[in-house]
Amino acid sequence: MTTHTTLRTTVRLTCLTALLSACGGGSGPAGGEATPAARSDTPASTAAAAAAPAVATLKGAADADRSGAAAAAFVPAASSARDPGPRGGTADAGAALTGLTPAQMAAFTAGKEDFEEAEDVEEGLGPTMNLDSCGGCHSQPGIGGTSPAVNPQVAFAAKKGATNRLPPFITARGPVREARFVRNADGSPDGGVHALFTIAGRSDAPGCTLAQPDFAGQMARRNVVFRIPTPVFGAGLIEAIPDSEILKQHAASAATKGSLGIRGRPNLLLNANAISGQVNKNGNDGTIGRFGWKAQNKSLLIFSGEAYNVEMGITNGAFPTERDETEGCNEALMPNSDATLDGATPAEVLSSIERFTLFMRFLAPPTPSTSAPGGTESIARGRDLFASVGCALCHTPSMKTYNASVVALRAKEARLYSDLLLHDMGRGLADGIQQGQASGREFRTAPLWGLGQRLFFLHDGRTADLRQAIAEHHSDGSEANAVTQRYFQLGGTQQQDMLNFLRSL
């Protein structure tokens, strides 16, 4: 187990963008503070230890900006402020949007059932995959969320007699993770997902012989980086935000951004500490991507099709080719999932990825708390500080949707706390993976709605402590440096107010 101090000096996180996104699994409070005893047995604090095996890999596997000696860690001054931890009580997320028609509600329900279903080999699962259901990864605090307290990948590894060995970075109390290799053996860029498990040994896959990747060897070469699931709450609202709204928000508050060294323009990588806020444009039609850790996916349909194929190995209309074509390991008809034109109901006609898409499109955003943690006044003060410190310059509080064909999505205010832009998070936070126009140092500003009930933070799930996540945004060349410093210059009570606000979302 790695101590909080060790994690603080070795782990690096991902941008005020990734800050309150959906990832975590790492350290305790920054500045040498002890983790409060009240949180010592919570899943969040337990998850800190789960990140330890991956620390060396995360620190070393990156692009040229991360070559050579590791950057010095930012250690803020000690403070009385503490992460209140995941908000308790019932899940404030996972419901459908209000205002759906009966037909739309039926599509949401059918999609939710498919989203939660565990797949078998006869349905196309594998031959390589990370899990057997969407809902297994996206379940905290409700369906459509992110990593739960108990990692389902641990039990899945041996399901139905499978002979998989658990990679060292997968633990029972750690976050659900996928693994990407930064480079190929010849040194050329890789960046792709290397599935954790195979169907070999399963009772429903006789005759399949297929080895797992050599994760231990790749970790020894510091060539593995991780991603955890992004929540899909309110995804239909995000999909319905027009590019013009994103660009308008990008151009807003120019004087304030300039005073903080926040410069930049869309589609141009900037040097030094400027906040570039570059959009990740779709290579096919030139529009702005918005889904995924690097905004690499344009639409929920593409997002669904890619995840079904990459995470579960199930081919579909969007991704019809098996990622692994080992003989004897692909017996299901291909594509494994497609539209059924003779279906008895509209939902039965749709393919699985279309049902996933409609479920996510009609999934409501989380409901924030007005009083917990810390009380109404503390949350209100924290909200004001969030803006005055500068966090809201990237974590844009809200954007408007377009004239959507679905009334429940039309001209709505999406309080997502994200500008949906890419930001250069510097040398220490880089993962070395390029996706679309996003470089190895860039990440999308992660939406913060639902943060209050998340267990893990940042793209690779390396910390479960919110204050530590903020500290880790300070890195050589990071666009978040000035804002991060402003936060840690606040008094302990003010820092606490802001943490309470964030945990109210």
Protein backbone atom coordinates (compact mmCIF):
# COMPACT_ATOMS: atom_id res chain seq x y z
CA MET A 1 0.00 0.00 0.00
CA THR A 2 1.28 3.46 -0.88
CA THR A 3 1.04 6.21 1.71
CA HIS A 4 -0.70 9.50 1.05
CA THR A 5 2.68 11.23 1.00
CA THR A 6 4.09 8.87 -1.61
CA LEU A 7 1.03 9.24 -3.78
CA ARG A 8 1.21 12.97 -3.45
CA THR A 9 4.75 13.02 -4.73
CA THR A 10 4.22 10.57 -7.56
CA VAL A 11 0.69 10.76 -8.82
CA ARG A 12 -0.40 13.32 -11.36
CA LEU A 13 -3.99 14.06 -12.33
CA THR A 14 -5.83 15.70 -15.19
CA CYS A 15 -7.07 19.32 -15.39
CA LEU A 16 -9.87 21.19 -13.76
CA THR A 17 -11.55 19.48 -16.64
CA ALA A 18 -10.85 16.03 -15.40
CA LEU A 19 -10.97 17.18 -11.80
CA LEU A 20 -14.45 16.40 -10.93
CA SER A 21 -15.04 14.11 -13.76
CA ALA A 22 -15.56 10.53 -13.16
CA CYS A 23 -12.31 9.15 -12.20
CA GLY A 24 -10.26 8.35 -9.17
CA GLY A 25 -8.69 5.80 -6.91
CA GLY A 26 -5.64 7.40 -5.37
CA SER A 27 -4.57 9.51 -2.47
CA GLY A 28 -5.76 11.38 0.55
CA PRO A 29 -5.71 15.11 1.25
CA ALA A 30 -2.83 17.20 0.04
CA GLY A 31 -0.44 19.22 2.13
CA GLY A 32 0.37 16.44 4.57
CA GLU A 33 -3.13 16.37 6.06
CA ALA A 34 -4.41 13.21 7.67
CA THR A 35 -7.51 11.63 6.21
CA PRO A 36 -10.43 12.13 8.61
CA ALA A 37 -11.18 9.04 10.64
CA ALA A 38 -14.82 9.23 9.67
CA ARG A 39 -13.84 8.41 6.11
CA SER A 40 -11.29 5.70 6.79
CA ASP A 41 -13.60 2.82 5.85
CA THR A 42 -15.53 4.45 3.05
CA PRO A 43 -15.16 3.04 -0.47
CA ALA A 44 -13.58 6.32 -1.53
CA SER A 45 -10.75 6.19 0.98
CA THR A 46 -10.29 2.46 0.50
CA ALA A 47 -9.92 3.12 -3.20
CA ALA A 48 -6.80 5.15 -2.53
CA ALA A 49 -4.80 2.00 -1.98
CA ALA A 50 -6.19 0.47 -5.14
CA ALA A 51 -4.38 3.00 -7.30
CA ALA A 52 -0.96 2.29 -5.81
CA PRO A 53 0.18 -0.48 -8.20
CA ALA A 54 -0.38 1.81 -11.14
CA VAL A 55 1.38 4.89 -9.82
CA ALA A 56 4.74 4.23 -11.45
CA THR A 57 3.11 3.47 -14.78
CA LEU A 58 0.91 6.54 -14.68
CA LYS A 59 3.88 8.73 -13.88
CA GLY A 60 6.06 7.41 -16.65
CA ALA A 61 3.85 6.49 -19.59
CA ALA A 62 3.38 9.63 -21.64
CA ASP A 63 4.41 11.56 -24.71
CA ALA A 64 7.62 13.47 -25.33
CA ASP A 65 6.58 16.20 -22.92
CA ARG A 66 6.84 13.69 -20.10
CA SER A 67 10.18 12.18 -21.04
CA GLY A 68 13.08 12.47 -18.66
CA ALA A 69 12.80 13.19 -14.97
CA ALA A 70 9.35 13.46 -13.45
CA ALA A 71 8.09 16.93 -12.64
CA ALA A 72 8.15 18.03 -9.04
CA ALA A 73 4.83 17.59 -7.31
CA PHE A 74 2.82 20.58 -6.18
CA VAL A 75 2.29 20.40 -2.41
CA PRO A 76 -0.15 23.02 -1.11
CA ALA A 77 0.07 24.41 2.38
CA ALA A 78 -1.69 22.51 5.14
CA SER A 79 -5.30 23.47 5.68
CA SER A 80 -8.27 22.55 7.84
CA ALA A 81 -10.34 21.92 4.70
CA ARG A 82 -11.33 18.31 3.99
CA ASP A 83 -13.21 16.57 1.26
CA PRO A 84 -16.61 15.79 2.82
CA GLY A 85 -16.68 12.55 0.85
CA PRO A 86 -19.43 11.15 -1.37
CA ARG A 87 -22.81 12.55 -0.43
CA GLY A 88 -24.93 9.96 1.33
CA GLY A 89 -28.61 9.17 1.05
CA THR A 90 -30.49 8.02 -2.01
CA ALA A 91 -29.02 8.29 -5.48
CA ASP A 92 -29.86 11.65 -7.00
CA ALA A 93 -29.37 10.37 -10.54
CA GLY A 94 -30.48 7.65 -12.95
CA ALA A 95 -34.02 8.81 -13.74
CA ALA A 96 -35.51 9.79 -17.08
CA LEU A 97 -35.92 13.37 -18.25
CA THR A 98 -39.20 14.99 -17.37
CA GLY A 99 -41.53 15.69 -20.28
CA LEU A 100 -40.89 12.54 -22.32
CA THR A 101 -43.77 11.20 -24.40
CA PRO A 102 -45.06 7.66 -23.68
CA ALA A 103 -43.16 6.36 -26.70
CA GLN A 104 -39.95 8.06 -25.60
CA MET A 105 -40.38 6.70 -22.07
CA ALA A 106 -40.82 3.20 -23.50
CA ALA A 107 -37.59 3.63 -25.46
CA PHE A 108 -35.81 4.84 -22.31
CA THR A 109 -37.02 1.80 -20.35
CA ALA A 110 -36.05 -0.66 -23.09
CA GLY A 111 -32.65 0.97 -23.40
CA LYS A 112 -32.11 0.89 -19.65
CA GLU A 113 -32.87 -2.85 -19.54
CA ASP A 114 -30.40 -3.50 -22.35
CA PHE A 115 -27.83 -1.21 -20.70
CA GLU A 116 -28.04 -3.24 -17.48
CA GLU A 117 -28.06 -6.68 -19.11
CA ALA A 118 -25.04 -8.98 -18.81
CA GLU A 119 -24.07 -10.45 -22.19
CA ASP A 120 -22.95 -14.01 -22.97
CA VAL A 121 -20.62 -15.42 -25.60
CA GLU A 122 -23.53 -16.64 -27.71
CA GLU A 123 -24.67 -13.02 -27.93
CA GLY A 124 -21.24 -11.95 -29.14
CA LEU A 125 -19.37 -11.22 -25.92
CA GLY A 126 -15.62 -11.19 -26.53
CA PRO A 127 -13.38 -12.77 -27.50
CA THR A 128 -11.64 -9.93 -25.64
CA MET A 129 -13.41 -7.50 -23.33
CA ASN A 130 -13.29 -5.50 -20.10
CA LEU A 131 -16.71 -6.47 -18.72
CA ASP A 132 -20.01 -7.98 -19.87
CA SER A 133 -22.45 -5.10 -19.32
CA CYS A 134 -22.68 -1.34 -19.67
CA GLY A 135 -24.35 -1.06 -16.29
CA GLY A 136 -21.49 -2.80 -14.52
CA CYS A 137 -19.16 0.09 -15.34
CA HIS A 138 -21.76 2.87 -15.15
CA SER A 139 -23.55 2.30 -11.84
CA GLN A 140 -22.47 4.86 -9.22
CA PRO A 141 -24.55 6.43 -7.76
CA GLY A 142 -27.23 5.10 -10.14
CA ILE A 143 -27.48 3.55 -13.57
CA GLY A 144 -25.58 5.70 -16.07
CA GLY A 145 -22.96 6.78 -13.55
CA THR A 146 -19.38 5.67 -13.11
CA SER A 147 -17.30 3.18 -11.10
CA PRO A 148 -19.09 1.60 -8.13
CA ALA A 149 -17.64 0.87 -4.70
CA VAL A 150 -17.02 -2.79 -5.54
CA ASN A 151 -15.28 -3.35 -8.87
CA PRO A 152 -17.30 -5.92 -10.91
CA GLN A 153 -14.25 -6.74 -13.03
CA VAL A 154 -12.81 -8.82 -10.17
CA ALA A 155 -15.67 -11.34 -10.15
CA PHE A 156 -16.05 -11.23 -13.92
CA ALA A 157 -12.46 -12.37 -14.54
CA ALA A 158 -13.34 -15.95 -13.55
CA LYS A 159 -17.00 -15.98 -14.61
CA LYS A 160 -18.17 -19.29 -16.11
CA GLY A 161 -14.76 -20.83 -15.58
CA ALA A 162 -12.71 -18.23 -17.44
CA THR A 163 -8.97 -18.58 -16.85
CA ASN A 164 -8.17 -14.85 -16.71
CA ARG A 165 -5.68 -13.48 -14.23
CA LEU A 166 -6.43 -10.13 -12.66
CA PRO A 167 -4.07 -7.40 -13.87
CA PRO A 168 -2.27 -5.74 -10.93
CA PHE A 169 -4.16 -2.48 -11.42
CA ILE A 170 -7.59 -4.10 -10.95
CA THR A 171 -8.68 -4.47 -7.33
CA ALA A 172 -11.96 -5.12 -5.56
CA ARG A 173 -12.18 -1.63 -4.08
CA GLY A 174 -10.53 0.21 -6.93
CA PRO A 175 -12.24 1.78 -9.94
CA VAL A 176 -13.32 -0.02 -13.09
CA ARG A 177 -10.50 0.54 -15.57
CA GLU A 178 -9.58 0.02 -19.17
CA ALA A 179 -5.92 -0.09 -20.20
CA ARG A 180 -4.25 1.65 -23.11
CA PHE A 181 -0.70 1.14 -24.32
CA VAL A 182 1.10 4.35 -25.17
CA ARG A 183 3.45 2.89 -27.78
CA ASN A 184 3.88 -0.22 -29.86
CA ALA A 185 6.94 -2.44 -29.56
CA ASP A 186 8.62 -0.57 -32.42
CA GLY A 187 8.13 2.76 -30.68
CA SER A 188 5.32 3.99 -32.89
CA PRO A 189 2.21 5.44 -31.22
CA ASP A 190 -0.40 2.97 -30.04
CA GLY A 191 -3.01 4.58 -27.80
CA GLY A 192 -5.61 1.85 -28.28
CA VAL A 193 -7.54 -0.09 -25.64
CA HIS A 194 -6.03 -3.48 -24.80
CA ALA A 195 -8.82 -5.57 -23.33
CA LEU A 196 -8.18 -6.97 -19.87
CA PHE A 197 -9.88 -10.33 -20.29
CA THR A 198 -10.64 -13.10 -22.80
CA ILE A 199 -13.36 -15.74 -23.06
CA ALA A 200 -10.81 -18.57 -22.90
CA GLY A 201 -11.82 -21.25 -20.39
CA ARG A 202 -15.45 -20.18 -20.15
CA SER A 203 -18.06 -22.91 -20.30
CA ASP A 204 -19.81 -21.07 -23.14
CA ALA A 205 -16.59 -20.74 -25.17
CA PRO A 206 -15.21 -24.29 -25.65
CA GLY A 207 -12.27 -24.45 -28.01
CA CYS A 208 -11.16 -20.83 -27.60
CA THR A 209 -7.51 -20.42 -26.70
CA LEU A 210 -6.50 -16.82 -26.25
CA ALA A 211 -3.96 -15.19 -23.95
CA GLN A 212 -4.33 -11.90 -22.12
CA PRO A 213 -1.90 -9.08 -22.85
CA ASP A 214 1.30 -8.98 -20.80
CA PHE A 215 0.22 -6.16 -18.53
CA ALA A 216 2.99 -6.75 -16.01
CA GLY A 217 5.61 -6.44 -18.74
CA GLN A 218 4.00 -3.33 -20.18
CA MET A 219 3.82 -1.77 -16.73
CA ALA A 220 7.50 -2.52 -16.19
CA ARG A 221 8.13 -0.60 -19.42
CA ARG A 222 5.91 2.21 -18.13
CA ASN A 223 3.73 1.85 -21.19
CA VAL A 224 0.24 1.51 -19.68
CA VAL A 225 -2.25 4.26 -18.89
CA PHE A 226 -5.79 3.93 -17.65
CA ARG A 227 -9.25 5.34 -18.16
CA ILE A 228 -12.31 4.90 -16.01
CA PRO A 229 -15.93 5.22 -17.16
CA THR A 230 -17.34 8.67 -17.79
CA PRO A 231 -20.85 9.22 -16.41
CA VAL A 232 -23.55 9.57 -19.06
CA PHE A 233 -26.06 11.51 -16.96
CA GLY A 234 -27.64 14.31 -18.96
CA ALA A 235 -25.90 13.07 -22.11
CA GLY A 236 -28.82 14.03 -24.35
CA LEU A 237 -28.60 17.62 -23.16
CA ILE A 238 -24.87 17.67 -23.89
CA GLU A 239 -25.49 16.22 -27.35
CA ALA A 240 -28.07 18.95 -28.00
CA ILE A 241 -25.71 21.87 -27.27
CA PRO A 242 -24.91 23.54 -30.61
CA ASP A 243 -21.32 24.22 -31.62
CA SER A 244 -22.11 27.94 -31.68
CA GLU A 245 -22.96 27.84 -27.97
CA ILE A 246 -19.67 26.10 -27.15
CA LEU A 247 -17.71 28.65 -29.17
CA LYS A 248 -19.66 31.55 -27.62
CA GLN A 249 -18.77 30.35 -24.13
CA HIS A 250 -15.17 29.90 -25.24
CA ALA A 251 -15.02 33.55 -26.30
CA ALA A 252 -16.72 34.82 -23.13
CA SER A 253 -14.88 36.56 -20.26
CA ALA A 254 -11.88 37.28 -22.44
CA ALA A 255 -10.50 39.99 -20.14
CA THR A 256 -10.71 37.78 -17.05
CA LYS A 257 -9.11 34.87 -18.86
CA GLY A 258 -6.38 37.15 -20.14
CA SER A 259 -5.60 38.39 -16.63
CA LEU A 260 -4.99 34.77 -15.61
CA GLY A 261 -2.95 33.99 -18.68
CA ILE A 262 -5.88 32.12 -20.15
CA ARG A 263 -5.41 32.68 -23.85
CA GLY A 264 -6.07 30.47 -26.79
CA ARG A 265 -8.28 29.81 -29.72
CA PRO A 266 -10.10 26.80 -31.07
CA ASN A 267 -8.03 24.23 -32.90
CA LEU A 268 -4.66 25.68 -32.04
CA LEU A 269 -2.27 24.19 -29.50
CA LEU A 270 -0.62 26.91 -27.42
CA ASN A 271 2.60 26.77 -25.49
CA ALA A 272 3.42 27.80 -21.94
CA ASN A 273 0.63 28.16 -19.38
CA ALA A 274 -2.14 29.61 -21.51
CA ILE A 275 -5.54 27.99 -21.29
CA SER A 276 -6.01 27.10 -24.91
CA GLY A 277 -9.52 25.69 -24.64
CA GLN A 278 -9.19 23.96 -27.98
CA VAL A 279 -12.17 22.05 -29.31
CA ASN A 280 -11.70 18.52 -30.64
CA LYS A 281 -13.29 18.65 -34.06
CA ASN A 282 -14.75 15.67 -35.86
CA GLY A 283 -12.48 14.71 -38.76
CA ASN A 284 -15.43 13.86 -41.00
CA ASP A 285 -17.61 16.97 -40.86
CA GLY A 286 -15.56 19.50 -38.89
CA THR A 287 -17.98 19.74 -35.97
CA ILE A 288 -17.03 19.65 -32.29
CA GLY A 289 -16.63 16.36 -30.44
CA ARG A 290 -17.94 16.23 -26.88
CA PHE A 291 -18.07 12.68 -25.47
CA GLY A 292 -15.20 10.75 -23.91
CA TRP A 293 -12.24 11.90 -21.85
CA LYS A 294 -10.78 13.72 -24.85
CA ALA A 295 -14.06 14.68 -26.51
CA GLN A 296 -13.16 12.15 -29.17
CA ASN A 297 -16.73 11.10 -29.96
CA LYS A 298 -19.23 13.34 -31.68
CA SER A 299 -22.51 11.56 -30.94
CA LEU A 300 -24.08 9.14 -28.48
CA LEU A 301 -24.61 6.60 -31.25
CA ILE A 302 -20.90 6.53 -32.07
CA PHE A 303 -20.08 6.51 -28.36
CA SER A 304 -22.40 3.51 -27.86
CA GLY A 305 -21.14 1.55 -30.84
CA GLU A 306 -17.50 2.03 -29.91
CA ALA A 307 -18.05 1.06 -26.27
CA TYR A 308 -20.05 -2.06 -27.19
CA ASN A 309 -17.22 -3.22 -29.44
CA VAL A 310 -14.21 -2.08 -27.43
CA GLU A 311 -15.42 -2.73 -23.88
CA MET A 312 -17.44 -5.91 -24.48
CA GLY A 313 -16.17 -7.15 -27.82
CA ILE A 314 -19.64 -7.07 -29.36
CA THR A 315 -19.74 -6.05 -33.00
CA ASN A 316 -22.57 -3.84 -34.19
CA GLY A 317 -23.79 -1.66 -37.03
CA ALA A 318 -21.34 1.12 -36.20
CA PHE A 319 -18.34 -1.17 -35.51
CA PRO A 320 -19.04 -4.41 -37.43
CA THR A 321 -15.56 -6.01 -37.31
CA GLU A 322 -14.15 -8.11 -34.47
CA ARG A 323 -11.13 -6.58 -32.77
CA ASP A 324 -9.67 -10.07 -32.35
CA GLU A 325 -10.35 -12.70 -35.01
CA THR A 326 -8.59 -15.65 -33.38
CA GLU A 327 -9.91 -18.88 -34.87
CA GLY A 328 -12.27 -20.78 -32.59
CA CYS A 329 -13.15 -17.71 -30.54
CA ASN A 330 -15.80 -16.09 -32.75
CA GLU A 331 -18.82 -18.33 -33.16
CA ALA A 332 -21.66 -15.80 -32.97
CA LEU A 333 -23.15 -14.31 -36.13
CA MET A 334 -21.73 -10.93 -37.12
CA PRO A 335 -22.37 -8.20 -36.52
CA ASN A 336 -23.31 -9.58 -33.14
CA SER A 337 -25.96 -6.90 -32.61
CA ASP A 338 -28.01 -5.28 -35.35
CA ALA A 339 -31.51 -4.03 -36.06
CA THR A 340 -34.27 -6.68 -36.09
CA LEU A 341 -36.58 -5.54 -38.86
CA ASP A 342 -39.32 -8.03 -38.00
CA GLY A 343 -39.48 -6.94 -34.34
CA ALA A 344 -42.94 -6.77 -32.81
CA THR A 345 -42.46 -3.33 -31.19
CA PRO A 346 -40.44 -0.26 -32.12
CA ALA A 347 -37.98 -1.02 -29.30
CA GLU A 348 -37.50 -4.58 -30.57
CA VAL A 349 -36.69 -3.31 -34.06
CA LEU A 350 -33.86 -1.17 -32.77
CA SER A 351 -30.35 -2.55 -32.37
CA SER A 352 -28.73 -2.58 -28.95
CA ILE A 353 -26.60 0.47 -29.66
CA GLU A 354 -29.69 2.38 -30.76
CA ARG A 355 -31.42 1.42 -27.51
CA PHE A 356 -28.31 2.42 -25.53
CA THR A 357 -28.33 5.75 -27.36
CA LEU A 358 -31.96 6.49 -26.54
CA PHE A 359 -31.45 5.52 -22.90
CA MET A 360 -28.52 7.93 -22.55
CA ARG A 361 -30.24 10.64 -24.59
CA PHE A 362 -33.29 10.55 -22.32
CA LEU A 363 -31.31 10.16 -19.07
CA ALA A 364 -31.77 13.15 -16.78
CA PRO A 365 -28.86 15.05 -15.21
CA PRO A 366 -28.27 14.52 -11.47
CA THR A 367 -30.22 16.59 -8.96
CA PRO A 368 -27.90 18.75 -6.84
CA SER A 369 -28.39 19.12 -3.11
CA THR A 370 -29.30 22.52 -1.70
CA SER A 371 -28.16 21.78 1.86
CA ALA A 372 -25.66 18.92 2.00
CA PRO A 373 -22.85 18.88 2.76
CA GLY A 374 -22.16 21.84 5.02
CA GLY A 375 -25.49 23.62 4.83
CA THR A 376 -27.16 26.00 2.40
CA GLU A 377 -25.04 29.04 3.28
CA SER A 378 -21.72 27.20 2.89
CA ILE A 379 -22.78 25.82 -0.49
CA ALA A 380 -23.83 29.29 -1.67
CA ARG A 381 -20.49 30.78 -0.59
CA GLY A 382 -18.66 27.93 -2.29
CA ARG A 383 -20.57 28.52 -5.52
CA ASP A 384 -19.49 32.18 -5.50
CA LEU A 385 -15.88 31.22 -4.78
CA PHE A 386 -15.94 28.67 -7.60
CA ALA A 387 -16.60 31.57 -9.96
CA SER A 388 -14.32 34.18 -8.37
CA VAL A 389 -11.31 31.84 -8.12
CA GLY A 390 -11.62 31.09 -11.84
CA CYS A 391 -12.80 27.47 -11.90
CA ALA A 392 -15.91 28.47 -13.83
CA LEU A 393 -13.78 29.79 -16.70
CA CYS A 394 -13.33 26.19 -17.83
CA HIS A 395 -16.10 24.50 -15.87
CA THR A 396 -18.77 26.67 -17.49
CA PRO A 397 -21.83 26.43 -15.22
CA SER A 398 -24.42 26.11 -17.97
CA MET A 399 -25.08 26.11 -21.71
CA LYS A 400 -28.28 26.16 -23.75
CA THR A 401 -29.48 23.38 -26.03
CA TYR A 402 -30.72 23.92 -29.56
CA ASN A 403 -34.22 23.61 -31.05
CA ALA A 404 -34.27 19.84 -30.53
CA SER A 405 -36.91 17.60 -32.07
CA VAL A 406 -37.41 16.08 -28.61
CA VAL A 407 -39.35 18.60 -26.53
CA ALA A 408 -37.69 17.42 -23.31
CA LEU A 409 -34.33 18.49 -24.79
CA ARG A 410 -35.45 21.67 -26.56
CA ALA A 411 -34.03 25.05 -25.49
CA LYS A 412 -33.03 23.76 -22.08
CA GLU A 413 -30.36 25.04 -19.71
CA ALA A 414 -27.81 22.28 -19.20
CA ARG A 415 -26.03 22.95 -15.89
CA LEU A 416 -23.13 20.67 -16.71
CA TYR A 417 -20.17 22.73 -15.40
CA SER A 418 -18.04 22.16 -18.48
CA ASP A 419 -17.05 24.12 -21.57
CA LEU A 420 -16.61 20.79 -23.45
CA LEU A 421 -13.25 22.06 -24.71
CA LEU A 422 -9.83 20.47 -24.65
CA HIS A 423 -7.27 21.94 -22.27
CA ASP A 424 -3.54 21.38 -22.09
CA MET A 425 -2.92 20.01 -18.62
CA GLY A 426 0.82 20.06 -18.87
CA ARG A 427 3.72 17.67 -18.65
CA GLY A 428 2.88 16.08 -15.32
CA LEU A 429 -0.73 15.23 -16.19
CA ALA A 430 -0.15 13.94 -19.70
CA ASP A 431 -1.13 10.40 -20.60
CA GLY A 432 0.62 10.34 -23.96
CA ILE A 433 -2.52 9.30 -25.85
CA GLN A 434 -3.63 11.24 -28.92
CA GLN A 435 -7.28 10.99 -29.94
CA GLY A 436 -8.54 13.03 -32.85
CA GLN A 437 -6.96 16.46 -32.47
CA ALA A 438 -6.44 15.98 -28.74
CA SER A 439 -2.79 15.58 -27.82
CA GLY A 440 -1.31 13.48 -25.07
CA ARG A 441 -1.48 16.49 -22.73
CA GLU A 442 -5.08 17.48 -23.42
CA PHE A 443 -8.37 16.48 -21.86
CA ARG A 444 -11.95 17.62 -22.18
CA THR A 445 -13.29 19.69 -19.31
CA ALA A 446 -15.21 17.03 -17.47
CA PRO A 447 -18.81 17.89 -16.56
CA LEU A 448 -19.18 18.22 -12.79
CA TRP A 449 -22.87 17.50 -12.37
CA GLY A 450 -23.19 14.44 -10.17
CA LEU A 451 -19.79 15.00 -8.57
CA GLY A 452 -21.26 14.91 -5.10
CA GLN A 453 -21.85 11.15 -5.20
CA ARG A 454 -18.78 10.02 -7.14
CA LEU A 455 -16.18 7.80 -5.54
CA PHE A 456 -13.23 8.26 -7.92
CA PHE A 457 -11.75 11.28 -9.66
CA LEU A 458 -9.74 12.03 -12.78
CA HIS A 459 -9.37 10.14 -16.02
CA ASP A 460 -7.50 7.15 -14.62
CA GLY A 461 -9.13 6.86 -11.20
CA ARG A 462 -6.06 7.67 -9.20
CA THR A 463 -7.55 9.61 -6.30
CA ALA A 464 -10.66 9.44 -4.18
CA ASP A 465 -10.02 12.76 -2.45
CA LEU A 466 -11.38 15.95 -3.97
CA ARG A 467 -8.86 18.35 -2.45
CA GLN A 468 -6.02 16.16 -3.65
CA ALA A 469 -7.52 16.14 -7.12
CA ILE A 470 -7.47 19.93 -7.19
CA ALA A 471 -3.84 19.96 -6.06
CA GLU A 472 -2.82 17.51 -8.75
CA HIS A 473 -4.07 19.90 -11.43
CA HIS A 474 -0.96 21.99 -10.77
CA SER A 475 1.70 20.71 -13.15
CA ASP A 476 4.47 21.94 -15.41
CA GLY A 477 2.72 23.72 -18.27
CA SER A 478 -0.78 23.05 -16.97
CA GLU A 479 -3.46 25.56 -17.88
CA ALA A 480 -4.92 25.13 -14.41
CA ASN A 481 -1.88 26.40 -12.50
CA ALA A 482 -3.01 29.95 -11.82
CA VAL A 483 -6.51 28.92 -10.79
CA THR A 484 -5.21 26.08 -8.63
CA GLN A 485 -2.89 28.46 -6.81
CA ARG A 486 -5.74 30.89 -6.23
CA TYR A 487 -7.80 28.14 -4.62
CA PHE A 488 -5.02 27.13 -2.24
CA GLN A 489 -4.42 30.76 -1.27
CA LEU A 490 -7.91 30.84 0.23
CA GLY A 491 -8.38 30.35 3.96
CA GLY A 492 -9.39 26.98 5.30
CA THR A 493 -13.05 27.94 5.74
CA GLN A 494 -13.28 29.24 2.18
CA GLN A 495 -11.62 26.12 0.79
CA GLN A 496 -14.13 24.06 2.75
CA ASP A 497 -17.04 26.04 1.36
CA MET A 498 -15.87 25.31 -2.16
CA LEU A 499 -15.45 21.61 -1.44
CA ASN A 500 -18.94 21.56 0.04
CA PHE A 501 -20.33 23.23 -3.07
CA LEU A 502 -18.65 20.71 -5.32
CA ARG A 503 -19.95 17.81 -3.25
CA SER A 504 -23.44 19.29 -3.46
CA LEU A 505 -23.51 18.87 -7.24
